[in-house]
């Protein structure tokens, strides 16, 4: 539901973590205000992991901020490895929109040495 909700209101959430989920219909525009982290078990008998792979590839083409973790031998569940990866993303992944803001407001916009 969170994936569909951000298509309607992209500023609803800064990040969405989806475990074994999918979009009902892939977005047609970049979800530039939301970082999406997809987590999926490769052995999921309920929701094929390829749906997460397709969504990630599609969103990358649109310019979206997306990560995808496919865990072998995991079914339709949240296991300890996926949870650890999710926590790692929350603690270390800097959203694309923040990088772009920082770069656009930096003195010299990418110059190594500021102009005197």
N, C-alpha and C. Protein backbone atom coordinates (compact mmCIF):
# COMPACT_ATOMS: atom_id res chain seq x y z
N UNK A 1 0.82 -1.19 0.00
CA UNK A 1 0.00 0.00 0.00
C UNK A 1 0.86 1.25 0.00
N UNK A 2 2.01 1.21 0.67
CA UNK A 2 2.88 2.39 0.73
C UNK A 2 3.40 2.73 -0.66
N UNK A 3 3.74 1.72 -1.45
CA UNK A 3 4.25 1.97 -2.80
C UNK A 3 3.19 2.66 -3.66
N UNK A 4 1.97 2.23 -3.55
CA UNK A 4 0.89 2.86 -4.31
C UNK A 4 0.58 4.26 -3.78
N UNK A 5 0.65 4.44 -2.47
CA UNK A 5 0.33 5.74 -1.86
C UNK A 5 1.30 6.82 -2.32
N UNK A 6 2.60 6.51 -2.45
CA UNK A 6 3.54 7.54 -2.87
C UNK A 6 3.39 7.91 -4.34
N UNK A 7 2.74 7.07 -5.12
CA UNK A 7 2.43 7.44 -6.51
C UNK A 7 1.38 8.55 -6.53
N UNK A 8 0.47 8.52 -5.58
CA UNK A 8 -0.60 9.51 -5.51
C UNK A 8 -0.08 10.80 -4.87
N UNK A 9 0.69 10.67 -3.80
CA UNK A 9 1.22 11.82 -3.07
C UNK A 9 2.70 11.56 -2.77
N UNK A 10 3.57 12.01 -3.68
CA UNK A 10 5.00 11.69 -3.60
C UNK A 10 5.69 12.28 -2.39
N UNK A 11 5.13 13.30 -1.76
CA UNK A 11 5.75 13.87 -0.57
C UNK A 11 5.24 13.23 0.72
N UNK A 12 4.45 12.20 0.59
CA UNK A 12 3.87 11.51 1.75
C UNK A 12 4.94 10.91 2.66
N UNK A 13 5.99 10.33 2.07
CA UNK A 13 7.04 9.67 2.85
C UNK A 13 8.40 9.96 2.23
N UNK A 14 9.38 10.20 3.07
CA UNK A 14 10.74 10.41 2.59
C UNK A 14 11.39 9.11 2.15
N UNK A 15 10.98 8.02 2.79
CA UNK A 15 11.50 6.69 2.45
C UNK A 15 10.38 5.67 2.57
N UNK A 16 10.46 4.67 1.72
CA UNK A 16 9.56 3.52 1.82
C UNK A 16 10.43 2.27 1.79
N UNK A 17 10.24 1.41 2.78
CA UNK A 17 10.88 0.11 2.80
C UNK A 17 9.81 -0.92 2.50
N UNK A 18 10.02 -1.69 1.45
CA UNK A 18 9.03 -2.68 1.03
C UNK A 18 9.64 -4.07 1.10
N UNK A 19 9.02 -4.94 1.88
CA UNK A 19 9.49 -6.32 2.04
C UNK A 19 8.53 -7.24 1.30
N UNK A 20 8.99 -7.81 0.21
CA UNK A 20 8.16 -8.75 -0.55
C UNK A 20 6.94 -8.12 -1.17
N UNK A 21 6.99 -6.83 -1.42
CA UNK A 21 5.84 -6.12 -1.99
C UNK A 21 6.04 -5.80 -3.46
N UNK A 22 5.08 -5.03 -3.99
CA UNK A 22 5.18 -4.62 -5.39
C UNK A 22 4.24 -3.46 -5.64
N UNK A 23 4.48 -2.77 -6.76
CA UNK A 23 3.53 -1.78 -7.25
C UNK A 23 2.41 -2.53 -7.96
N UNK A 24 1.19 -2.07 -7.82
CA UNK A 24 0.09 -2.65 -8.61
C UNK A 24 0.34 -2.36 -10.09
N UNK A 25 0.75 -1.12 -10.36
CA UNK A 25 1.14 -0.66 -11.70
C UNK A 25 2.38 0.20 -11.50
N UNK A 26 3.42 -0.04 -12.30
CA UNK A 26 4.64 0.74 -12.15
C UNK A 26 4.37 2.23 -12.39
N UNK A 27 5.03 3.10 -11.63
CA UNK A 27 4.84 4.54 -11.80
C UNK A 27 5.31 4.99 -13.19
N UNK A 28 4.70 6.03 -13.67
CA UNK A 28 5.08 6.58 -14.97
C UNK A 28 5.95 7.83 -14.84
N UNK A 29 6.10 8.33 -13.61
CA UNK A 29 6.95 9.48 -13.36
C UNK A 29 7.89 9.18 -12.21
N UNK A 30 8.97 9.95 -12.15
CA UNK A 30 9.96 9.81 -11.09
C UNK A 30 9.32 10.16 -9.75
N UNK A 31 9.56 9.34 -8.76
CA UNK A 31 9.07 9.60 -7.41
C UNK A 31 10.19 10.30 -6.64
N UNK A 32 10.54 11.51 -7.09
CA UNK A 32 11.76 12.19 -6.67
C UNK A 32 11.81 12.57 -5.20
N UNK A 33 10.71 12.59 -4.52
CA UNK A 33 10.72 12.97 -3.11
C UNK A 33 10.83 11.76 -2.17
N UNK A 34 10.84 10.57 -2.73
CA UNK A 34 10.85 9.36 -1.91
C UNK A 34 11.97 8.43 -2.32
N UNK A 35 12.75 8.00 -1.34
CA UNK A 35 13.75 6.97 -1.55
C UNK A 35 13.05 5.63 -1.28
N UNK A 36 13.20 4.70 -2.21
CA UNK A 36 12.52 3.41 -2.09
C UNK A 36 13.56 2.32 -1.92
N UNK A 37 13.38 1.52 -0.89
CA UNK A 37 14.24 0.37 -0.63
C UNK A 37 13.37 -0.89 -0.77
N UNK A 38 13.69 -1.71 -1.75
CA UNK A 38 12.96 -2.96 -1.97
C UNK A 38 13.76 -4.13 -1.42
N UNK A 39 13.11 -4.97 -0.64
CA UNK A 39 13.73 -6.17 -0.07
C UNK A 39 12.86 -7.35 -0.45
N UNK A 40 13.48 -8.39 -1.00
CA UNK A 40 12.67 -9.51 -1.48
C UNK A 40 13.45 -10.81 -1.36
N UNK A 41 12.74 -11.85 -0.96
CA UNK A 41 13.32 -13.19 -0.93
C UNK A 41 13.23 -13.83 -2.31
N UNK A 42 14.32 -14.41 -2.76
CA UNK A 42 14.35 -15.03 -4.08
C UNK A 42 13.47 -16.28 -4.14
N UNK A 43 13.20 -16.89 -2.98
CA UNK A 43 12.37 -18.09 -2.93
C UNK A 43 10.94 -17.77 -2.51
N UNK A 44 10.50 -16.54 -2.72
CA UNK A 44 9.15 -16.11 -2.32
C UNK A 44 8.11 -16.79 -3.22
N UNK A 45 7.26 -17.66 -2.65
CA UNK A 45 6.25 -18.34 -3.45
C UNK A 45 4.97 -17.50 -3.65
N UNK A 46 4.85 -16.40 -2.91
CA UNK A 46 3.65 -15.57 -2.97
C UNK A 46 3.81 -14.44 -3.99
N UNK A 47 4.91 -13.75 -3.92
CA UNK A 47 5.18 -12.59 -4.77
C UNK A 47 6.55 -12.80 -5.41
N UNK A 48 6.61 -13.06 -6.71
CA UNK A 48 7.90 -13.32 -7.36
C UNK A 48 8.89 -12.16 -7.18
N UNK A 49 10.13 -12.50 -6.86
CA UNK A 49 11.16 -11.49 -6.63
C UNK A 49 11.42 -10.64 -7.88
N UNK A 50 11.12 -11.18 -9.05
CA UNK A 50 11.35 -10.45 -10.30
C UNK A 50 10.55 -9.14 -10.34
N UNK A 51 9.45 -9.08 -9.61
CA UNK A 51 8.66 -7.85 -9.56
C UNK A 51 9.47 -6.71 -8.93
N UNK A 52 10.25 -7.03 -7.91
CA UNK A 52 11.11 -6.00 -7.30
C UNK A 52 12.23 -5.60 -8.24
N UNK A 53 12.80 -6.57 -8.94
CA UNK A 53 13.87 -6.28 -9.89
C UNK A 53 13.33 -5.39 -11.02
N UNK A 54 12.17 -5.73 -11.56
CA UNK A 54 11.57 -4.92 -12.63
C UNK A 54 11.26 -3.51 -12.15
N UNK A 55 10.74 -3.40 -10.95
CA UNK A 55 10.41 -2.07 -10.40
C UNK A 55 11.68 -1.24 -10.23
N UNK A 56 12.74 -1.85 -9.70
CA UNK A 56 14.00 -1.13 -9.51
C UNK A 56 14.56 -0.66 -10.85
N UNK A 57 14.59 -1.53 -11.83
CA UNK A 57 15.11 -1.15 -13.15
C UNK A 57 14.28 -0.03 -13.77
N UNK A 58 12.97 -0.13 -13.63
CA UNK A 58 12.07 0.88 -14.18
C UNK A 58 12.28 2.24 -13.50
N UNK A 59 12.36 2.23 -12.18
CA UNK A 59 12.53 3.49 -11.44
C UNK A 59 13.89 4.12 -11.69
N UNK A 60 14.91 3.31 -11.88
CA UNK A 60 16.23 3.84 -12.21
C UNK A 60 16.17 4.57 -13.55
N UNK A 61 15.49 3.99 -14.52
CA UNK A 61 15.35 4.64 -15.83
C UNK A 61 14.62 5.97 -15.71
N UNK A 62 13.70 6.08 -14.75
CA UNK A 62 12.97 7.34 -14.53
C UNK A 62 13.77 8.35 -13.72
N UNK A 63 14.93 7.92 -13.22
CA UNK A 63 15.76 8.82 -12.41
C UNK A 63 15.48 8.72 -10.93
N UNK A 64 14.79 7.69 -10.51
CA UNK A 64 14.41 7.54 -9.11
C UNK A 64 15.54 7.12 -8.20
N UNK A 65 15.30 7.26 -6.91
CA UNK A 65 16.25 6.87 -5.87
C UNK A 65 15.77 5.53 -5.32
N UNK A 66 16.42 4.47 -5.74
CA UNK A 66 15.94 3.11 -5.45
C UNK A 66 17.09 2.19 -5.10
N UNK A 67 16.86 1.34 -4.14
CA UNK A 67 17.78 0.24 -3.86
C UNK A 67 16.96 -1.04 -3.87
N UNK A 68 17.60 -2.15 -4.17
CA UNK A 68 16.91 -3.44 -4.16
C UNK A 68 17.85 -4.50 -3.63
N UNK A 69 17.37 -5.25 -2.69
CA UNK A 69 18.11 -6.37 -2.11
C UNK A 69 17.31 -7.65 -2.34
N UNK A 70 17.89 -8.58 -3.05
CA UNK A 70 17.26 -9.88 -3.28
C UNK A 70 18.07 -10.90 -2.49
N UNK A 71 17.41 -11.56 -1.57
CA UNK A 71 18.07 -12.51 -0.67
C UNK A 71 17.77 -13.94 -1.09
N UNK A 72 18.82 -14.71 -1.45
CA UNK A 72 18.59 -16.10 -1.85
C UNK A 72 18.06 -16.94 -0.67
N UNK A 73 17.31 -17.96 -0.97
CA UNK A 73 16.79 -18.93 0.01
C UNK A 73 15.82 -18.33 1.02
N UNK A 74 15.27 -17.16 0.72
CA UNK A 74 14.29 -16.54 1.62
C UNK A 74 12.94 -16.52 0.92
N UNK A 75 11.91 -16.90 1.66
CA UNK A 75 10.56 -16.91 1.11
C UNK A 75 9.84 -15.59 1.35
N UNK A 76 8.56 -15.66 1.54
CA UNK A 76 7.72 -14.47 1.74
C UNK A 76 7.72 -14.12 3.23
N UNK A 77 8.85 -13.63 3.68
CA UNK A 77 9.04 -13.32 5.09
C UNK A 77 10.09 -12.24 5.25
N UNK A 78 10.18 -11.68 6.42
CA UNK A 78 11.26 -10.75 6.75
C UNK A 78 12.21 -11.51 7.65
N UNK A 79 13.38 -11.83 7.11
CA UNK A 79 14.34 -12.56 7.93
C UNK A 79 15.36 -11.60 8.53
N UNK A 80 16.25 -12.13 9.35
CA UNK A 80 17.22 -11.31 10.05
C UNK A 80 18.16 -10.58 9.08
N UNK A 81 18.60 -11.25 8.02
CA UNK A 81 19.52 -10.61 7.05
C UNK A 81 18.85 -9.42 6.36
N UNK A 82 17.60 -9.58 5.94
CA UNK A 82 16.90 -8.47 5.29
C UNK A 82 16.68 -7.32 6.27
N UNK A 83 16.38 -7.64 7.50
CA UNK A 83 16.18 -6.60 8.51
C UNK A 83 17.48 -5.84 8.77
N UNK A 84 18.60 -6.55 8.83
CA UNK A 84 19.89 -5.90 9.02
C UNK A 84 20.22 -4.99 7.85
N UNK A 85 19.92 -5.44 6.63
CA UNK A 85 20.16 -4.61 5.45
C UNK A 85 19.27 -3.37 5.47
N UNK A 86 18.03 -3.54 5.89
CA UNK A 86 17.12 -2.40 5.97
C UNK A 86 17.65 -1.37 6.98
N UNK A 87 18.08 -1.82 8.13
CA UNK A 87 18.62 -0.91 9.14
C UNK A 87 19.89 -0.21 8.63
N UNK A 88 20.71 -0.95 7.89
CA UNK A 88 21.92 -0.37 7.32
C UNK A 88 21.57 0.75 6.34
N UNK A 89 20.58 0.52 5.47
CA UNK A 89 20.16 1.56 4.54
C UNK A 89 19.63 2.79 5.27
N UNK A 90 18.85 2.57 6.31
CA UNK A 90 18.30 3.70 7.07
C UNK A 90 19.40 4.52 7.75
N UNK A 91 20.48 3.84 8.14
CA UNK A 91 21.55 4.53 8.84
C UNK A 91 22.63 5.10 7.92
N UNK A 92 22.78 4.55 6.72
CA UNK A 92 23.93 4.96 5.90
C UNK A 92 23.59 5.49 4.51
N UNK A 93 22.43 5.21 3.98
CA UNK A 93 22.09 5.65 2.62
C UNK A 93 21.62 7.09 2.65
N UNK A 94 22.35 7.94 1.94
CA UNK A 94 21.95 9.34 1.84
C UNK A 94 21.04 9.47 0.62
N UNK A 95 19.81 9.90 0.82
CA UNK A 95 18.88 10.00 -0.30
C UNK A 95 19.41 10.88 -1.43
N UNK A 96 19.11 10.48 -2.63
CA UNK A 96 19.55 11.17 -3.84
C UNK A 96 19.17 12.65 -3.81
N UNK A 97 17.95 12.96 -3.35
CA UNK A 97 17.50 14.35 -3.34
C UNK A 97 18.37 15.21 -2.43
N UNK A 98 18.88 14.64 -1.34
CA UNK A 98 19.75 15.40 -0.43
C UNK A 98 21.12 15.62 -1.06
N UNK A 99 21.65 14.60 -1.76
CA UNK A 99 22.91 14.77 -2.48
C UNK A 99 22.77 15.89 -3.51
N UNK A 100 21.69 15.86 -4.26
CA UNK A 100 21.49 16.86 -5.31
C UNK A 100 21.36 18.27 -4.71
N UNK A 101 20.66 18.39 -3.59
CA UNK A 101 20.54 19.69 -2.92
C UNK A 101 21.91 20.19 -2.47
N UNK A 102 22.68 19.30 -1.87
CA UNK A 102 24.00 19.69 -1.39
C UNK A 102 24.91 20.11 -2.54
N UNK A 103 24.88 19.37 -3.62
CA UNK A 103 25.72 19.71 -4.76
C UNK A 103 25.29 21.01 -5.42
N UNK A 104 23.99 21.24 -5.50
CA UNK A 104 23.52 22.45 -6.16
C UNK A 104 23.77 23.71 -5.33
N UNK A 105 23.92 23.59 -4.03
CA UNK A 105 24.15 24.76 -3.19
C UNK A 105 25.61 24.91 -2.79
N UNK A 106 26.46 24.00 -3.23
CA UNK A 106 27.88 24.05 -2.88
C UNK A 106 28.56 25.22 -3.60
N UNK A 107 29.49 25.89 -2.93
CA UNK A 107 30.23 26.97 -3.58
C UNK A 107 30.95 26.44 -4.82
N UNK A 108 30.81 27.12 -5.93
CA UNK A 108 31.46 26.71 -7.16
C UNK A 108 30.82 25.53 -7.83
N UNK A 109 29.78 24.97 -7.23
CA UNK A 109 29.03 23.84 -7.77
C UNK A 109 29.93 22.77 -8.38
N UNK A 110 30.74 22.20 -7.54
CA UNK A 110 31.58 21.09 -8.00
C UNK A 110 33.05 21.46 -8.14
N UNK A 111 33.40 22.76 -8.06
CA UNK A 111 34.80 23.15 -8.11
C UNK A 111 35.50 22.62 -6.87
N UNK A 112 36.71 22.16 -7.05
CA UNK A 112 37.46 21.63 -5.92
C UNK A 112 37.88 22.79 -5.01
N UNK A 113 38.30 23.89 -5.62
CA UNK A 113 38.75 25.05 -4.84
C UNK A 113 37.75 26.18 -5.01
N UNK A 114 37.27 26.76 -3.89
CA UNK A 114 36.34 27.88 -4.02
C UNK A 114 37.00 29.06 -4.70
N UNK A 115 36.24 29.83 -5.41
CA UNK A 115 36.77 31.01 -6.08
C UNK A 115 37.01 32.11 -5.06
N UNK A 116 38.10 32.82 -5.24
CA UNK A 116 38.46 33.90 -4.31
C UNK A 116 37.67 35.15 -4.57
